[in-house]
Amino acid sequence: MKKTERSKTKRNILIMSAIAIAIIVIFASALRIQNNRWKPPASEYLKVEHTKSLGVFYNNNKTVNIKELGLRITAVGGDATNVLITGLSTQGEEYPYIEFLHKGESKEITVQLRSYFTSLNETIGLFPVELTIGCSEALPSDITIYLNPEDIVGLHY
């Protein structure tokens, strides 16, 4: 075989390899996007409720600094794995995590916070707390839970 024929053969092999890799990457990306489209938002898949919290009230009880946030997480859309709560300033480096919940099962957790100041929504008489929750079966969702002042234990200034 001549040198130019070998060069053309090598070039053709490289081109075909590049095309094959591109097709695989495109197919894998499309499959991943399609799988994510079928996942419901975590706000529909998981139920998040406030239990009890520890905080310090200020401004005639119109502002509270939450130090411990008590939550009850329930899997309502099906079994939930790798439940992760983010968007809160936790004391440690790790975010609150639940490995597994069966559908209908609840788990109560206490989240230690560095500090979370929130003001009373005077229209409804509750304190809003915003967080993000997700799991392997659902897309992460930003949610707001509302804390009843009676469920927050702490000093009043």
Foldseek 3Di string as FASTA:
>chain_A
DDPVVVVVVVVVVVVVVVVVVVVVVVVVVVVVVVLQVPFAAVVVQKDKAWAAWEWEAEDQRFKIKTFKTKIKIAGANAKFAFKFKFPAAAPDPGTDTDGIDGHGDIDMDITGGPIDMFGAPVVVQWTKDWIWIDTPRHHIDIDIYTHHSVRYDYHYD
